[in-house]
Amino acid sequence: MKNPWMSAYLSAANQMTSAARGQVGAEMSRQQTEMMRAWTEMWMGMMFPWMSQSNRRR
């Protein structure tokens, strides 16, 4: 016989972990994008030092 309380508990746990996983994935994506932007800006500054900060793309 199945335990209805266990089923409800597992269903709620799966719902919470799914939401948390989505939020963590979105934050990771934001941080990766920012890291690549900072890395590109650093290298462009090293390769083209004569360009001013305002002329560089973001």
Protein backbone atom coordinates (compact mmCIF):
# COMPACT_ATOMS: atom_id res chain seq x y z
CA MET A 1 0.00 0.00 0.00
CA LYS A 2 1.33 3.44 -0.93
CA ASN A 3 1.84 6.08 1.70
CA PRO A 4 -0.03 9.26 0.64
CA TRP A 5 1.97 11.44 3.07
CA MET A 6 5.26 10.26 1.58
CA SER A 7 3.95 10.95 -1.91
CA ALA A 8 2.88 14.47 -0.96
CA TYR A 9 6.23 15.08 0.77
CA LEU A 10 8.25 13.89 -2.23
CA SER A 11 6.11 15.91 -4.62
CA ALA A 12 6.70 19.09 -2.62
CA ALA A 13 10.42 18.34 -2.30
CA ASN A 14 10.73 17.82 -6.07
CA GLN A 15 8.91 21.08 -6.72
CA MET A 16 11.23 23.04 -4.41
CA THR A 17 14.43 21.50 -5.74
CA SER A 18 13.33 22.10 -9.31
CA ALA A 19 12.73 25.79 -8.62
CA ALA A 20 16.06 26.10 -6.80
CA ARG A 21 17.90 24.38 -9.64
CA GLY A 22 16.42 26.84 -12.12
CA GLN A 23 17.48 29.82 -10.02
CA VAL A 24 21.01 28.46 -9.56
CA GLY A 25 21.30 27.84 -13.30
CA ALA A 26 20.17 31.38 -14.10
CA GLU A 27 22.67 32.86 -11.64
CA MET A 28 25.48 30.74 -13.10
CA SER A 29 24.62 31.98 -16.56
CA ARG A 30 24.67 35.61 -15.39
CA GLN A 31 28.05 35.15 -13.73
CA GLN A 32 29.54 33.44 -16.77
CA THR A 33 28.36 36.26 -19.00
CA GLU A 34 29.85 38.88 -16.68
CA MET A 35 33.13 36.95 -16.42
CA MET A 36 33.46 36.72 -20.21
CA ARG A 37 32.67 40.44 -20.56
CA ALA A 38 35.34 41.35 -17.99
CA TRP A 39 37.87 38.98 -19.57
CA THR A 40 37.24 40.38 -23.06
CA GLU A 41 37.52 43.94 -21.79
CA MET A 42 40.82 43.15 -20.08
CA TRP A 43 42.32 41.55 -23.18
CA MET A 44 41.07 44.29 -25.49
CA GLY A 45 42.70 46.82 -23.16
CA MET A 46 45.98 44.92 -23.34
CA MET A 47 45.90 44.47 -27.12
CA PHE A 48 44.61 47.96 -27.99
CA PRO A 49 45.81 50.29 -25.23
CA TRP A 50 45.33 53.37 -27.41
CA MET A 51 41.57 52.90 -27.47
CA SER A 52 39.79 54.86 -24.79
CA GLN A 53 37.37 53.18 -22.43
CA SER A 54 34.42 54.97 -24.03
CA ASN A 55 35.22 53.58 -27.51
CA ARG A 56 35.13 49.96 -26.40
CA ARG A 57 31.99 47.90 -26.87
CA ARG A 58 30.09 46.49 -23.96
